[in-house]
Each structure stands twice: as structure tokens, then as C-alpha cells.
Amino acid sequence: MSEKSEQKKSIYDGLRYMYAEQLKGKRVKLTIKAVLAEKIFGDGGRATDGHVLSFTETDKLLVVSGSTIKRQLAIATGTESPDEMAGKQITLYPVKSARSLSGLAIRIAIPEHMA
């Protein structure tokens, strides 16, 4: 086995962001380490202001740019302030999406007591 194939165990290794297919159809509970403001580049290279979440359990970042996921994040954490989200646990799950290249997108579960 070559040195390169030993180092990388997944095609997602080395990628900065989390993708829905990495969740493998399951719900995943993660703890927010920080919410970082970033320029998010969408279709055609168009840049918009957005946020990314970093987590204590993984080095992958989650892009939070659409209104649906922003609202789910605020409800799930109980705050609209990015500064107050650190330390909060959220549950991610994949959904079908016609707008995604893979046909999947990541959503944030609303806690049952809030639904």
C-alpha cells in the first residue's frame, strides 16, 4: 500500500466542511465549539455573509447560510446570538434536497420539548 493511500481513509479527509452524505442517514449529536462569521460562496461563486459552526467532536465545519438552518439553529440552541451558542449540543440529520448536488442537505433537529 502506498503512503498516500495509508494516510487518507475517506475521500472526505482533508475537506474542511461537513456534507450530508457523511451522516450516513443517521442523527448525529454534536457540541458547538464556536460560531465563526465567514463569506460563503454559493452557485456561480456568489459570496454571501454567513456563519460556520465548529464542533468539539470533529474538525469538520458546518455551513449555516440558509434561512431554514439558521432558524433551526436558533430554536435548537435557545438563542439567536452566535456568542451564546458555544457549549450547546445540537443534533444534525440528513434530508433530501433538490438544491444540493448530492441530493442531500443537513438540517438541525428541533428538541422535542420545543416542537
PDB file of N, CA and C in Angstrom:
ATOM      1  N   MET A   1       0.833  -1.175   0.000  1.00  0.00           N
ATOM      2  CA  MET A   1       0.000   0.000   0.000  1.00  0.00           C
ATOM      3  C   MET A   1       0.881   1.244   0.000  1.00  0.00           C
ATOM      4  N   SER A   2       0.543   2.228  -0.796  1.00  0.00           N
ATOM      5  CA  SER A   2       1.362   3.436  -0.856  1.00  0.00           C
ATOM      6  C   SER A   2       1.136   4.311   0.368  1.00  0.00           C
ATOM      7  N   GLU A   3       2.067   5.230   0.591  1.00  0.00           N
ATOM      8  CA  GLU A   3       1.962   6.136   1.753  1.00  0.00           C
ATOM      9  C   GLU A   3       0.717   7.002   1.659  1.00  0.00           C
ATOM     10  N   LYS A   4       0.373   7.467   0.448  1.00  0.00           N
ATOM     11  CA  LYS A   4      -0.818   8.303   0.279  1.00  0.00           C
ATOM     12  C   LYS A   4      -2.091   7.549   0.647  1.00  0.00           C
ATOM     13  N   SER A   5      -2.229   6.309   0.203  1.00  0.00           N
ATOM     14  CA  SER A   5      -3.448   5.560   0.489  1.00  0.00           C
ATOM     15  C   SER A   5      -3.552   5.195   1.965  1.00  0.00           C
ATOM     16  N   GLU A   6      -2.426   5.086   2.666  1.00  0.00           N
ATOM     17  CA  GLU A   6      -2.469   4.801   4.098  1.00  0.00           C
ATOM     18  C   GLU A   6      -2.929   6.016   4.888  1.00  0.00           C
ATOM     19  N   GLN A   7      -2.577   7.225   4.441  1.00  0.00           N
ATOM     20  CA  GLN A   7      -2.909   8.439   5.165  1.00  0.00           C
ATOM     21  C   GLN A   7      -4.395   8.792   5.055  1.00  0.00           C
ATOM     22  N   LYS A   8      -4.983   8.635   3.887  1.00  0.00           N
ATOM     23  CA  LYS A   8      -6.377   9.026   3.675  1.00  0.00           C
ATOM     24  C   LYS A   8      -7.265   7.792   3.661  1.00  0.00           C
ATOM     25  N   LYS A   9      -8.256   7.792   4.536  1.00  0.00           N
ATOM     26  CA  LYS A   9      -9.152   6.650   4.631  1.00  0.00           C
ATOM     27  C   LYS A   9     -10.510   6.945   3.996  1.00  0.00           C
ATOM     28  N   SER A  10     -10.746   8.205   3.646  1.00  0.00           N
ATOM     29  CA  SER A  10     -12.016   8.620   3.065  1.00  0.00           C
ATOM     30  C   SER A  10     -11.759   9.722   2.050  1.00  0.00           C
ATOM     31  N   ILE A  11     -12.599   9.806   1.042  1.00  0.00           N
ATOM     32  CA  ILE A  11     -12.464  10.901   0.086  1.00  0.00           C
ATOM     33  C   ILE A  11     -12.771  12.243   0.745  1.00  0.00           C
ATOM     34  N   TYR A  12     -13.397  12.220   1.923  1.00  0.00           N
ATOM     35  CA  TYR A  12     -13.722  13.452   2.639  1.00  0.00           C
ATOM     36  C   TYR A  12     -12.577  13.931   3.530  1.00  0.00           C
ATOM     37  N   ASP A  13     -11.569  13.100   3.745  1.00  0.00           N
ATOM     38  CA  ASP A  13     -10.412  13.519   4.534  1.00  0.00           C
ATOM     39  C   ASP A  13      -9.774  14.724   3.850  1.00  0.00           C
ATOM     40  N   GLY A  14      -9.411  15.707   4.624  1.00  0.00           N
ATOM     41  CA  GLY A  14      -8.786  16.896   4.073  1.00  0.00           C
ATOM     42  C   GLY A  14      -9.769  17.972   3.655  1.00  0.00           C
ATOM     43  N   LEU A  15     -11.051  17.626   3.554  1.00  0.00           N
ATOM     44  CA  LEU A  15     -12.049  18.641   3.242  1.00  0.00           C
ATOM     45  C   LEU A  15     -12.446  19.368   4.516  1.00  0.00           C
ATOM     46  N   ARG A  16     -12.654  20.642   4.418  1.00  0.00           N
ATOM     47  CA  ARG A  16     -12.913  21.482   5.587  1.00  0.00           C
ATOM     48  C   ARG A  16     -14.346  21.373   6.108  1.00  0.00           C
ATOM     49  N   TYR A  17     -15.301  21.147   5.209  1.00  0.00           N
ATOM     50  CA  TYR A  17     -16.709  21.217   5.588  1.00  0.00           C
ATOM     51  C   TYR A  17     -17.367  19.844   5.714  1.00  0.00           C
ATOM     52  N   MET A  18     -18.448  19.813   6.459  1.00  0.00           N
ATOM     53  CA  MET A  18     -19.256  18.617   6.665  1.00  0.00           C
ATOM     54  C   MET A  18     -20.298  18.538   5.543  1.00  0.00           C
ATOM     55  N   TYR A  19     -20.519  17.333   5.043  1.00  0.00           N
ATOM     56  CA  TYR A  19     -21.505  17.111   3.993  1.00  0.00           C
ATOM     57  C   TYR A  19     -22.543  16.096   4.472  1.00  0.00           C
ATOM     58  N   ALA A  20     -23.763  16.249   3.990  1.00  0.00           N
ATOM     59  CA  ALA A  20     -24.883  15.423   4.459  1.00  0.00           C
ATOM     60  C   ALA A  20     -24.619  13.926   4.294  1.00  0.00           C
ATOM     61  N   GLU A  21     -23.980  13.532   3.215  1.00  0.00           N
ATOM     62  CA  GLU A  21     -23.746  12.105   2.991  1.00  0.00           C
ATOM     63  C   GLU A  21     -22.804  11.504   4.031  1.00  0.00           C
ATOM     64  N   GLN A  22     -22.014  12.339   4.711  1.00  0.00           N
ATOM     65  CA  GLN A  22     -21.142  11.844   5.772  1.00  0.00           C
ATOM     66  C   GLN A  22     -21.933  11.390   6.999  1.00  0.00           C
ATOM     67  N   LEU A  23     -23.169  11.853   7.133  1.00  0.00           N
ATOM     68  CA  LEU A  23     -24.001  11.452   8.275  1.00  0.00           C
ATOM     69  C   LEU A  23     -24.550  10.039   8.090  1.00  0.00           C
ATOM     70  N   LYS A  24     -24.467   9.509   6.873  1.00  0.00           N
ATOM     71  CA  LYS A  24     -24.857   8.130   6.558  1.00  0.00           C
ATOM     72  C   LYS A  24     -26.280   7.796   7.008  1.00  0.00           C
ATOM     73  N   GLY A  25     -27.199   8.761   6.821  1.00  0.00           N
ATOM     74  CA  GLY A  25     -28.605   8.528   7.130  1.00  0.00           C
ATOM     75  C   GLY A  25     -28.934   8.550   8.613  1.00  0.00           C
ATOM     76  N   LYS A  26     -27.999   8.914   9.458  1.00  0.00           N
ATOM     77  CA  LYS A  26     -28.218   8.873  10.910  1.00  0.00           C
ATOM     78  C   LYS A  26     -28.242  10.271  11.515  1.00  0.00           C
ATOM     79  N   ARG A  27     -28.831  10.348  12.707  1.00  0.00           N
ATOM     80  CA  ARG A  27     -28.782  11.573  13.500  1.00  0.00           C
ATOM     81  C   ARG A  27     -27.466  11.581  14.270  1.00  0.00           C
ATOM     82  N   VAL A  28     -26.823  12.757  14.326  1.00  0.00           N
ATOM     83  CA  VAL A  28     -25.534  12.888  14.998  1.00  0.00           C
ATOM     84  C   VAL A  28     -25.609  14.066  15.960  1.00  0.00           C
ATOM     85  N   LYS A  29     -25.309  13.798  17.242  1.00  0.00           N
ATOM     86  CA  LYS A  29     -25.319  14.845  18.261  1.00  0.00           C
ATOM     87  C   LYS A  29     -23.908  15.408  18.407  1.00  0.00           C
ATOM     88  N   LEU A  30     -23.794  16.744  18.292  1.00  0.00           N
ATOM     89  CA  LEU A  30     -22.508  17.419  18.384  1.00  0.00           C
ATOM     90  C   LEU A  30     -22.603  18.624  19.311  1.00  0.00           C
ATOM     91  N   THR A  31     -21.471  19.011  19.892  1.00  0.00           N
ATOM     92  CA  THR A  31     -21.391  20.167  20.777  1.00  0.00           C
ATOM     93  C   THR A  31     -20.710  21.311  20.033  1.00  0.00           C
ATOM     94  N   ILE A  32     -21.362  22.456  19.996  1.00  0.00           N
ATOM     95  CA  ILE A  32     -20.813  23.621  19.298  1.00  0.00           C
ATOM     96  C   ILE A  32     -19.619  24.156  20.074  1.00  0.00           C
ATOM     97  N   LYS A  33     -18.488  24.279  19.382  1.00  0.00           N
ATOM     98  CA  LYS A  33     -17.298  24.873  19.977  1.00  0.00           C
ATOM     99  C   LYS A  33     -17.306  26.384  19.752  1.00  0.00           C
ATOM    100  N   ALA A  34     -17.644  26.795  18.510  1.00  0.00           N
ATOM    101  CA  ALA A  34     -17.666  28.222  18.171  1.00  0.00           C
ATOM    102  C   ALA A  34     -18.522  28.447  16.940  1.00  0.00           C
ATOM    103  N   VAL A  35     -19.003  29.675  16.803  1.00  0.00           N
ATOM    104  CA  VAL A  35     -19.725  30.108  15.612  1.00  0.00           C
ATOM    105  C   VAL A  35     -18.873  31.207  14.981  1.00  0.00           C
ATOM    106  N   LEU A  36     -18.426  30.971  13.756  1.00  0.00           N
ATOM    107  CA  LEU A  36     -17.498  31.872  13.082  1.00  0.00           C
ATOM    108  C   LEU A  36     -18.173  32.550  11.898  1.00  0.00           C
ATOM    109  N   ALA A  37     -18.023  33.861  11.772  1.00  0.00           N
ATOM    110  CA  ALA A  37     -18.547  34.596  10.613  1.00  0.00           C
ATOM    111  C   ALA A  37     -17.603  34.363   9.436  1.00  0.00           C
ATOM    112  N   GLU A  38     -18.173  34.012   8.280  1.00  0.00           N
ATOM    113  CA  GLU A  38     -17.368  33.760   7.076  1.00  0.00           C
ATOM    114  C   GLU A  38     -18.145  34.150   5.841  1.00  0.00           C
ATOM    115  N   LYS A  39     -17.416  34.410   4.778  1.00  0.00           N
ATOM    116  CA  LYS A  39     -18.028  34.568   3.461  1.00  0.00           C
ATOM    117  C   LYS A  39     -18.317  33.162   2.949  1.00  0.00           C
ATOM    118  N   ILE A  40     -19.550  32.946   2.523  1.00  0.00           N
ATOM    119  CA  ILE A  40     -19.959  31.648   1.990  1.00  0.00           C
ATOM    120  C   ILE A  40     -20.120  31.808   0.485  1.00  0.00           C
ATOM    121  N   PHE A  41     -19.456  30.935  -0.273  1.00  0.00           N
ATOM    122  CA  PHE A  41     -19.523  31.003  -1.723  1.00  0.00           C
ATOM    123  C   PHE A  41     -20.507  29.968  -2.232  1.00  0.00           C
ATOM    124  N   GLY A  42     -21.522  30.441  -2.959  1.00  0.00           N
ATOM    125  CA  GLY A  42     -22.571  29.568  -3.479  1.00  0.00           C
ATOM    126  C   GLY A  42     -22.425  29.339  -4.964  1.00  0.00           C
ATOM    127  N   ASP A  43     -23.546  29.020  -5.585  1.00  0.00           N
ATOM    128  CA  ASP A  43     -23.574  28.762  -7.021  1.00  0.00           C
ATOM    129  C   ASP A  43     -22.986  29.932  -7.797  1.00  0.00           C
ATOM    130  N   GLY A  44     -22.141  29.646  -8.744  1.00  0.00           N
ATOM    131  CA  GLY A  44     -21.552  30.673  -9.584  1.00  0.00           C
ATOM    132  C   GLY A  44     -20.521  31.527  -8.882  1.00  0.00           C
ATOM    133  N   GLY A  45     -20.071  31.108  -7.683  1.00  0.00           N
ATOM    134  CA  GLY A  45     -19.058  31.856  -6.958  1.00  0.00           C
ATOM    135  C   GLY A  45     -19.575  33.081  -6.236  1.00  0.00           C
ATOM    136  N   ARG A  46     -20.908  33.220  -6.153  1.00  0.00           N
ATOM    137  CA  ARG A  46     -21.512  34.370  -5.472  1.00  0.00           C
ATOM    138  C   ARG A  46     -21.253  34.257  -3.974  1.00  0.00           C
ATOM    139  N   ALA A  47     -20.720  35.340  -3.369  1.00  0.00           N
ATOM    140  CA  ALA A  47     -20.388  35.343  -1.939  1.00  0.00           C
ATOM    141  C   ALA A  47     -21.492  36.008  -1.129  1.00  0.00           C
ATOM    142  N   THR A  48     -21.837  35.386   0.006  1.00  0.00           N
ATOM    143  CA  THR A  48     -22.787  35.971   0.945  1.00  0.00           C
ATOM    144  C   THR A  48     -22.191  35.860   2.348  1.00  0.00           C
ATOM    145  N   ASP A  49     -22.641  36.728   3.228  1.00  0.00           N
ATOM    146  CA  ASP A  49     -22.202  36.643   4.618  1.00  0.00           C
ATOM    147  C   ASP A  49     -22.937  35.497   5.287  1.00  0.00           C
ATOM    148  N   GLY A  50     -22.220  34.686   6.001  1.00  0.00           N
ATOM    149  CA  GLY A  50     -22.822  33.553   6.685  1.00  0.00           C
ATOM    150  C   GLY A  50     -21.999  33.177   7.903  1.00  0.00           C
ATOM    151  N   HIS A  51     -22.310  32.018   8.437  1.00  0.00           N
ATOM    152  CA  HIS A  51     -21.595  31.509   9.601  1.00  0.00           C
ATOM    153  C   HIS A  51     -21.240  30.048   9.372  1.00  0.00           C
ATOM    154  N   VAL A  52     -20.214  29.608  10.069  1.00  0.00           N
ATOM    155  CA  VAL A  52     -19.889  28.183  10.126  1.00  0.00           C
ATOM    156  C   VAL A  52     -19.782  27.800  11.594  1.00  0.00           C
ATOM    157  N   LEU A  53     -20.204  26.586  11.877  1.00  0.00           N
ATOM    158  CA  LEU A  53     -20.112  26.062  13.237  1.00  0.00           C
ATOM    159  C   LEU A  53     -18.909  25.138  13.318  1.00  0.00           C
ATOM    160  N   SER A  54     -18.130  25.277  14.383  1.00  0.00           N
ATOM    161  CA  SER A  54     -17.093  24.289  14.680  1.00  0.00           C
ATOM    162  C   SER A  54     -17.587  23.478  15.881  1.00  0.00           C
ATOM    163  N   PHE A  55     -17.119  22.245  15.977  1.00  0.00           N
ATOM    164  CA  PHE A  55     -17.604  21.319  16.993  1.00  0.00           C
ATOM    165  C   PHE A  55     -16.443  20.721  17.782  1.00  0.00           C
ATOM    166  N   THR A  56     -16.733  20.306  19.002  1.00  0.00           N
ATOM    167  CA  THR A  56     -15.697  19.674  19.830  1.00  0.00           C
ATOM    168  C   THR A  56     -15.400  18.246  19.368  1.00  0.00           C
ATOM    169  N   GLU A  57     -16.360  17.565  18.768  1.00  0.00           N
ATOM    170  CA  GLU A  57     -16.209  16.150  18.413  1.00  0.00           C
ATOM    171  C   GLU A  57     -15.573  15.899  17.046  1.00  0.00           C
ATOM    172  N   THR A  58     -15.460  16.932  16.196  1.00  0.00           N
ATOM    173  CA  THR A  58     -14.929  16.750  14.851  1.00  0.00           C
ATOM    174  C   THR A  58     -14.242  18.031  14.391  1.00  0.00           C
ATOM    175  N   ASP A  59     -13.343  17.886  13.431  1.00  0.00           N
ATOM    176  CA  ASP A  59     -12.699  19.078  12.865  1.00  0.00           C
ATOM    177  C   ASP A  59     -13.469  19.630  11.675  1.00  0.00           C
ATOM    178  N   LYS A  60     -14.541  18.968  11.262  1.00  0.00           N
ATOM    179  CA  LYS A  60     -15.372  19.436  10.148  1.00  0.00           C
ATOM    180  C   LYS A  60     -16.227  20.614  10.592  1.00  0.00           C
ATOM    181  N   LEU A  61     -16.422  21.559   9.686  1.00  0.00           N
ATOM    182  CA  LEU A  61     -17.253  22.731   9.943  1.00  0.00           C
ATOM    183  C   LEU A  61     -18.588  22.577   9.233  1.00  0.00           C
ATOM    184  N   LEU A  62     -19.641  23.149   9.808  1.00  0.00           N
ATOM    185  CA  LEU A  62     -20.973  23.122   9.199  1.00  0.00           C
ATOM    186  C   LEU A  62     -21.326  24.530   8.745  1.00  0.00           C
ATOM    187  N   VAL A  63     -21.620  24.691   7.458  1.00  0.00           N
ATOM    188  CA  VAL A  63     -22.037  25.981   6.913  1.00  0.00           C
ATOM    189  C   VAL A  63     -23.483  26.245   7.317  1.00  0.00           C
ATOM    190  N   VAL A  64     -23.726  27.444   7.836  1.00  0.00           N
ATOM    191  CA  VAL A  64     -25.075  27.863   8.230  1.00  0.00           C
ATOM    192  C   VAL A  64     -25.362  29.137   7.446  1.00  0.00           C
ATOM    193  N   SER A  65     -26.027  28.980   6.279  1.00  0.00           N
ATOM    194  CA  SER A  65     -26.245  30.149   5.435  1.00  0.00           C
ATOM    195  C   SER A  65     -27.691  30.362   5.013  1.00  0.00           C
ATOM    196  N   GLY A  66     -28.481  29.315   4.952  1.00  0.00           N
ATOM    197  CA  GLY A  66     -29.874  29.454   4.531  1.00  0.00           C
ATOM    198  C   GLY A  66     -30.793  29.807   5.690  1.00  0.00           C
ATOM    199  N   SER A  67     -31.934  30.378   5.375  1.00  0.00           N
ATOM    200  CA  SER A  67     -32.861  30.811   6.435  1.00  0.00           C
ATOM    201  C   SER A  67     -33.407  29.638   7.244  1.00  0.00           C
ATOM    202  N   THR A  68     -33.641  28.491   6.617  1.00  0.00           N
ATOM    203  CA  THR A  68     -34.188  27.343   7.354  1.00  0.00           C
ATOM    204  C   THR A  68     -33.215  26.859   8.419  1.00  0.00           C
ATOM    205  N   ILE A  69     -31.958  26.629   8.040  1.00  0.00           N
ATOM    206  CA  ILE A  69     -30.994  26.106   9.008  1.00  0.00           C
ATOM    207  C   ILE A  69     -30.650  27.155  10.069  1.00  0.00           C
ATOM    208  N   LYS A  70     -30.669  28.444   9.707  1.00  0.00           N
ATOM    209  CA  LYS A  70     -30.442  29.496  10.710  1.00  0.00           C
ATOM    210  C   LYS A  70     -31.554  29.483  11.759  1.00  0.00           C
ATOM    211  N   ARG A  71     -32.791  29.345  11.309  1.00  0.00           N
ATOM    212  CA  ARG A  71     -33.921  29.299  12.246  1.00  0.00           C
ATOM    213  C   ARG A  71     -33.859  28.049  13.109  1.00  0.00           C
ATOM    214  N   GLN A  72     -33.526  26.912  12.520  1.00  0.00           N
ATOM    215  CA  GLN A  72     -33.406  25.675  13.290  1.00  0.00           C
ATOM    216  C   GLN A  72     -32.310  25.802  14.337  1.00  0.00           C
ATOM    217  N   LEU A  73     -31.203  26.430  13.995  1.00  0.00           N
ATOM    218  CA  LEU A  73     -30.092  26.615  14.932  1.00  0.00           C
ATOM    219  C   LEU A  73     -30.520  27.485  16.114  1.00  0.00           C
ATOM    220  N   ALA A  74     -31.208  28.580  15.840  1.00  0.00           N
ATOM    221  CA  ALA A  74     -31.662  29.467  16.911  1.00  0.00           C
ATOM    222  C   ALA A  74     -32.638  28.754  17.843  1.00  0.00           C
ATOM    223  N   ILE A  75     -33.550  27.984  17.291  1.00  0.00           N
ATOM    224  CA  ILE A  75     -34.530  27.250  18.115  1.00  0.00           C
ATOM    225  C   ILE A  75     -33.831  26.167  18.929  1.00  0.00           C
ATOM    226  N   ALA A  76     -32.947  25.405  18.271  1.00  0.00           N
ATOM    227  CA  ALA A  76     -32.275  24.286  18.947  1.00  0.00           C
ATOM    228  C   ALA A  76     -31.355  24.739  20.077  1.00  0.00           C
ATOM    229  N   THR A  77     -30.733  25.917  19.925  1.00  0.00           N
ATOM    230  CA  THR A  77     -29.813  26.397  20.948  1.00  0.00           C
ATOM    231  C   THR A  77     -30.494  27.324  21.957  1.00  0.00           C
ATOM    232  N   GLY A  78     -31.685  27.799  21.617  1.00  0.00           N
ATOM    233  CA  GLY A  78     -32.394  28.704  22.518  1.00  0.00           C
ATOM    234  C   GLY A  78     -31.869  30.128  22.496  1.00  0.00           C
ATOM    235  N   THR A  79     -31.085  30.457  21.462  1.00  0.00           N
ATOM    236  CA  THR A  79     -30.547  31.814  21.361  1.00  0.00           C
ATOM    237  C   THR A  79     -30.319  32.188  19.897  1.00  0.00           C
ATOM    238  N   GLU A  80     -30.423  33.472  19.613  1.00  0.00           N
ATOM    239  CA  GLU A  80     -30.105  33.984  18.281  1.00  0.00           C
ATOM    240  C   GLU A  80     -28.678  34.518  18.229  1.00  0.00           C
ATOM    241  N   SER A  81     -28.026  34.616  19.388  1.00  0.00           N
ATOM    242  CA  SER A  81     -26.687  35.194  19.475  1.00  0.00           C
ATOM    243  C   SER A  81     -25.612  34.134  19.256  1.00  0.00           C
ATOM    244  N   PRO A  82     -24.793  34.295  18.206  1.00  0.00           N
ATOM    245  CA  PRO A  82     -23.705  33.332  17.981  1.00  0.00           C
ATOM    246  C   PRO A  82     -22.780  33.203  19.193  1.00  0.00           C
ATOM    247  N   ASP A  83     -22.576  34.273  19.929  1.00  0.00           N
ATOM    248  CA  ASP A  83     -21.690  34.240  21.097  1.00  0.00           C
ATOM    249  C   ASP A  83     -22.222  33.334  22.208  1.00  0.00           C
ATOM    250  N   GLU A  84     -23.531  33.108  22.240  1.00  0.00           N
ATOM    251  CA  GLU A  84     -24.140  32.288  23.297  1.00  0.00           C
ATOM    252  C   GLU A  84     -24.340  30.826  22.887  1.00  0.00           C
ATOM    253  N   MET A  85     -23.954  30.473  21.671  1.00  0.00           N
ATOM    254  CA  MET A  85     -24.188  29.109  21.173  1.00  0.00           C
ATOM    255  C   MET A  85     -23.096  28.126  21.571  1.00  0.00           C
ATOM    256  N   ALA A  86     -21.904  28.617  21.894  1.00  0.00           N
ATOM    257  CA  ALA A  86     -20.798  27.726  22.277  1.00  0.00           C
ATOM    258  C   ALA A  86     -21.197  26.900  23.489  1.00  0.00           C
ATOM    259  N   GLY A  87     -20.896  25.607  23.434  1.00  0.00           N
ATOM    260  CA  GLY A  87     -21.216  24.697  24.525  1.00  0.00           C
ATOM    261  C   GLY A  87     -22.575  24.030  24.392  1.00  0.00           C
ATOM    262  N   LYS A  88     -23.413  24.509  23.485  1.00  0.00           N
ATOM    263  CA  LYS A  88     -24.746  23.925  23.286  1.00  0.00           C
ATOM    264  C   LYS A  88     -24.633  22.697  22.386  1.00  0.00           C
ATOM    265  N   GLN A  89     -25.457  21.690  22.680  1.00  0.00           N
ATOM    266  CA  GLN A  89     -25.496  20.489  21.847  1.00  0.00           C
ATOM    267  C   GLN A  89     -26.630  20.607  20.844  1.00  0.00           C
ATOM    268  N   ILE A  90     -26.346  20.164  19.618  1.00  0.00           N
ATOM    269  CA  ILE A  90     -27.375  20.104  18.585  1.00  0.00           C
ATOM    270  C   ILE A  90     -27.312  18.736  17.928  1.00  0.00           C
ATOM    271  N   THR A  91     -28.411  18.352  17.300  1.00  0.00           N
ATOM    272  CA  THR A  91     -28.478  17.088  16.579  1.00  0.00           C
ATOM    273  C   THR A  91     -28.660  17.382  15.102  1.00  0.00           C
ATOM    274  N   LEU A  92     -27.769  16.838  14.286  1.00  0.00           N
ATOM    275  CA  LEU A  92     -27.830  17.008  12.834  1.00  0.00           C
ATOM    276  C   LEU A  92     -28.408  15.758  12.199  1.00  0.00           C
ATOM    277  N   TYR A  93     -29.117  15.950  11.086  1.00  0.00           N
ATOM    278  CA  TYR A  93     -29.637  14.804  10.339  1.00  0.00           C
ATOM    279  C   TYR A  93     -29.717  15.168   8.857  1.00  0.00           C
ATOM    280  N   PRO A  94     -29.597  14.184   7.969  1.00  0.00           N
ATOM    281  CA  PRO A  94     -29.674  14.459   6.534  1.00  0.00           C
ATOM    282  C   PRO A  94     -31.116  14.436   6.036  1.00  0.00           C
ATOM    283  N   VAL A  95     -31.394  15.266   5.029  1.00  0.00           N
ATOM    284  CA  VAL A  95     -32.697  15.281   4.356  1.00  0.00           C
ATOM    285  C   VAL A  95     -32.464  15.332   2.851  1.00  0.00           C
ATOM    286  N   LYS A  96     -33.457  14.919   2.091  1.00  0.00           N
ATOM    287  CA  LYS A  96     -33.383  15.038   0.639  1.00  0.00           C
ATOM    288  C   LYS A  96     -33.509  16.505   0.264  1.00  0.00           C
ATOM    289  N   SER A  97     -32.749  16.909  -0.753  1.00  0.00           N
ATOM    290  CA  SER A  97     -32.773  18.298  -1.195  1.00  0.00           C
ATOM    291  C   SER A  97     -32.531  18.370  -2.692  1.00  0.00           C
ATOM    292  N   ALA A  98     -33.458  18.979  -3.396  1.00  0.00           N
ATOM    293  CA  ALA A  98     -33.297  19.142  -4.840  1.00  0.00           C
ATOM    294  C   ALA A  98     -32.264  20.218  -5.165  1.00  0.00           C
ATOM    295  N   ARG A  99     -31.934  21.058  -4.190  1.00  0.00           N
ATOM    296  CA  ARG A  99     -30.995  22.158  -4.417  1.00  0.00           C
ATOM    297  C   ARG A  99     -29.541  21.760  -4.187  1.00  0.00           C
ATOM    298  N   SER A 100     -29.292  20.566  -3.675  1.00  0.00           N
ATOM    299  CA  SER A 100     -27.938  20.115  -3.367  1.00  0.00           C
ATOM    300  C   SER A 100     -27.414  19.214  -4.485  1.00  0.00           C
ATOM    301  N   LEU A 101     -26.128  19.317  -4.768  1.00  0.00           N
ATOM    302  CA  LEU A 101     -25.521  18.457  -5.785  1.00  0.00           C
ATOM    303  C   LEU A 101     -25.688  16.978  -5.475  1.00  0.00           C
ATOM    304  N   SER A 102     -25.568  16.616  -4.194  1.00  0.00           N
ATOM    305  CA  SER A 102     -25.675  15.210  -3.802  1.00  0.00           C
ATOM    306  C   SER A 102     -27.118  14.762  -3.640  1.00  0.00           C
ATOM    307  N   GLY A 103     -28.045  15.727  -3.638  1.00  0.00           N
ATOM    308  CA  GLY A 103     -29.443  15.395  -3.397  1.00  0.00           C
ATOM    309  C   GLY A 103     -29.781  15.347  -1.918  1.00  0.00           C
ATOM    310  N   LEU A 104     -28.802  15.702  -1.058  1.00  0.00           N
ATOM    311  CA  LEU A 104     -28.990  15.696   0.390  1.00  0.00           C
ATOM    312  C   LEU A 104     -28.547  17.030   0.986  1.00  0.00           C
ATOM    313  N   ALA A 105     -29.133  17.376   2.111  1.00  0.00           N
ATOM    314  CA  ALA A 105     -28.728  18.561   2.861  1.00  0.00           C
ATOM    315  C   ALA A 105     -28.738  18.207   4.339  1.00  0.00           C
ATOM    316  N   ILE A 106     -28.077  19.028   5.151  1.00  0.00           N
ATOM    317  CA  ILE A 106     -28.051  18.812   6.602  1.00  0.00           C
ATOM    318  C   ILE A 106     -29.058  19.751   7.257  1.00  0.00           C
ATOM    319  N   ARG A 107     -29.812  19.214   8.186  1.00  0.00           N
ATOM    320  CA  ARG A 107     -30.752  20.004   8.977  1.00  0.00           C
ATOM    321  C   ARG A 107     -30.424  19.806  10.457  1.00  0.00           C
ATOM    322  N   ILE A 108     -30.926  20.749  11.282  1.00  0.00           N
ATOM    323  CA  ILE A 108     -30.731  20.686  12.722  1.00  0.00           C
ATOM    324  C   ILE A 108     -32.072  20.329  13.364  1.00  0.00           C
ATOM    325  N   ALA A 109     -32.056  19.285  14.167  1.00  0.00           N
ATOM    326  CA  ALA A 109     -33.297  18.821  14.823  1.00  0.00           C
ATOM    327  C   ALA A 109     -33.763  19.825  15.863  1.00  0.00           C
ATOM    328  N   ILE A 110     -35.070  20.029  15.917  1.00  0.00           N
ATOM    329  CA  ILE A 110     -35.699  20.850  16.947  1.00  0.00           C
ATOM    330  C   ILE A 110     -35.953  19.933  18.151  1.00  0.00           C
ATOM    331  N   PRO A 111     -35.491  20.318  19.326  1.00  0.00           N
ATOM    332  CA  PRO A 111     -35.738  19.474  20.503  1.00  0.00           C
ATOM    333  C   PRO A 111     -37.242  19.214  20.686  1.00  0.00           C
ATOM    334  N   GLU A 112     -37.593  17.995  21.092  1.00  0.00           N
ATOM    335  CA  GLU A 112     -38.998  17.598  21.204  1.00  0.00           C
ATOM    336  C   GLU A 112     -39.810  18.518  22.098  1.00  0.00           C
ATOM    337  N   HIS A 113     -39.221  19.005  23.185  1.00  0.00           N
ATOM    338  CA  HIS A 113     -39.975  19.870  24.097  1.00  0.00           C
ATOM    339  C   HIS A 113     -40.254  21.244  23.479  1.00  0.00           C
ATOM    340  N   MET A 114     -39.638  21.548  22.328  1.00  0.00           N
ATOM    341  CA  MET A 114     -39.852  22.827  21.675  1.00  0.00           C
ATOM    342  C   MET A 114     -40.684  22.703  20.413  1.00  0.00           C
ATOM    343  N   ALA A 115     -40.892  21.490  19.939  1.00  0.00           N
ATOM    344  CA  ALA A 115     -41.626  21.277  18.682  1.00  0.00           C
ATOM    345  C   ALA A 115     -43.119  21.422  18.880  1.00  0.00           C
TER     346      ALA A 115
END
